[in-house]
Protein backbone atom coordinates (compact mmCIF):
# COMPACT_ATOMS: atom_id res chain seq x y z
CA UNK A 1 -14.15 -15.09 -13.32
CA UNK A 2 -14.65 -11.45 -12.21
CA UNK A 3 -12.02 -9.56 -14.13
CA UNK A 4 -12.82 -9.96 -18.36
CA UNK A 5 -9.40 -9.33 -19.85
CA UNK A 6 -10.31 -6.13 -22.03
CA UNK A 7 -11.54 -4.62 -18.08
CA UNK A 8 -8.82 -1.90 -16.99
CA UNK A 9 -6.76 -1.86 -13.81
CA UNK A 10 -8.23 -0.23 -10.26
CA UNK A 11 -5.98 2.91 -10.02
CA UNK A 12 -5.64 2.02 -6.20
CA UNK A 13 -4.37 -1.20 -7.16
CA UNK A 14 -1.88 0.57 -9.35
CA UNK A 15 0.73 3.24 -8.92
CA UNK A 16 0.96 5.90 -11.19
CA UNK A 17 4.31 6.71 -12.99
CA UNK A 18 5.10 9.58 -10.97
CA UNK A 19 5.02 7.44 -7.61
CA UNK A 20 6.59 4.62 -8.96
CA UNK A 21 9.67 6.75 -10.25
CA UNK A 22 9.20 8.81 -6.55
CA UNK A 23 9.63 5.39 -4.88
CA UNK A 24 12.84 4.42 -7.42
CA UNK A 25 14.40 8.04 -6.27
CA UNK A 26 14.11 7.45 -2.89
CA UNK A 27 15.77 3.39 -2.81
CA UNK A 28 18.22 5.26 -5.16
CA UNK A 29 19.13 8.63 -2.45
CA UNK A 30 19.32 5.50 0.26
CA UNK A 31 21.32 2.77 -1.14
CA UNK A 32 24.00 6.17 -2.60
CA UNK A 33 23.32 7.59 0.90
CA UNK A 34 24.94 4.19 2.68
CA UNK A 35 27.52 3.92 -0.60
CA UNK A 36 28.90 7.18 0.84
CA UNK A 37 28.78 6.25 4.51
CA UNK A 38 30.55 2.78 3.80
CA UNK A 39 33.24 4.88 1.64
CA UNK A 40 33.64 7.27 4.97
CA UNK A 41 34.23 4.58 7.12
CA UNK A 42 36.78 2.95 4.91
CA UNK A 43 38.71 6.36 4.96
CA UNK A 44 38.89 6.71 8.11
CA UNK A 45 39.84 2.84 9.37
CA UNK A 46 43.03 3.64 6.06
CA UNK A 47 43.54 7.00 7.82
CA UNK A 48 44.01 5.36 11.42
CA UNK A 49 46.58 2.86 9.68
CA UNK A 50 48.32 5.44 8.04
CA UNK A 51 49.03 7.55 11.76
CA UNK A 52 50.05 4.14 13.39
CA UNK A 53 53.23 3.63 10.93
């Protein structure tokens, strides 16, 4: 085996904390944007239903 138990990992294979946080923030913002879009679409459908009555 090439890897020894105490050998630190290569920096290229392990993302830094900042990189992980940035990726998590981007994913959360995309999810929230999708949720907001779904709420807007649901409100539009509900508004159309009330206008027809």
